[in-house]
Amino acid sequence: MNVFMREIKANRKVLIIWSIGMILLIASGMGKYAGLSASGQAINDFLAQMPESLKAIMGMGTFDLTKATGYYGVLFIYLAMMATIHATMLGANIISKEERDKTAEFLFIKPISRNKIITSKLLASLVNILIFNLVTFVSSILMVQKYSKGEAVIGDITKLMIGMLILQLIFLSIGTAIAAKSKHPKTAPSLATGILLFTFILSIAIDLNSRIEILKYFTPFKYFDAKNLMYAQGFEPIYVILSGVIIAILFRVTYIFYISRDLKV
C-alpha cells in the first residue's frame, strides 16, 4: 500500500478549498488597495495620526501604503496566519486521524513499518504545504503586479514566501508532534491551533510593548516579520537557525512518540 499517495488523495479536496480561499483573500485584499491608492499620500498622512497600538494590531507597522508592495506587506500577516493554520491542522490531522476515524487497524495490518508510515505521511504533508505556498506565491505576484504601476515586486514577495514556508514547516511540526504525543487524537488539532493563536497574539503584544521584546524568541511570527524581510535585515541568521532547530526537534519527537505509542484501533 502506498501511504504517500493515500495521504495525497485524502487531503486533495481540503488543499483545493484552502488554495481557493487564499486566492480570494489576496484578490480581495489587493482589490481594496486599488481604492486606497486613489487617495495617494493622504492615506499615509492619515496613518501617521493613528495610535501606534491600533497600527500594531492591524499589522500596519511602517509600511508605505501608497505602494503595492507596502500594502501587500500589511496583508502578509493575514496570509501567514491562514497558511500556518492550514499547516497546523494538516500536521495534527494526518497523524491523529487513523485513531479518530478507527482506521488504524487497517493501516497497521499491512506489511509496512511505522517508520515508513510516518515518513510517508510527513512527505505528503510537505507536498501539500509546498503546493499551498506555490499557489500563494503565484497569486501574489499576479495580483500585486496588476496594481504595482511598474514597481518591482518579485524580490519582496519571494522573501515573504520563503519566510512563510518556514513558518508553515514550524507549525506543521508542532501539529505532528502534538498529535503523536497526545493520547486523545480528537484534541490534538485544537491544542495545536491554540498554540498557534497564542504565539500570534504574543507577536502583537510585543509590537504594542517593547519592554517584552525578549519574548520574540517564543513566537515564530516575529522570526519572519514582513517589515524586517522587506525593509531591514532580511533573514536574520539567528531566526533561521532557531527555526531549523525547532523543526528538527519536533519532527524527531513525532517519530519517537509515533513509533512507540500504543495506538487505539
Foldseek 3Di string as FASTA:
>chain_A
DQLLVVLLVVCVVVLVVLLVVLLVLLQVQLVVLVVVLVVPCVVVVVVVPDDLLVCLVQQLPPFDSNALQSSVLSSLVVSLLSLLLVLLLLLLCLQLVCQVVVPVVVVVVDPDALLVNLVSSVVSSLVSSVVSLVSNLVSNVVSSVVPRVPDDDNVLSVLSSVLSSLSSLLSSLLLLLQNLQDPDSVCSSVVSVVLLVVLSVVSSVCSVPVVVVVCPLVHSCSQRRSCCCRPNDNHDPVSVVSSVVSSVVSVVSSSVSNNPDDRDD
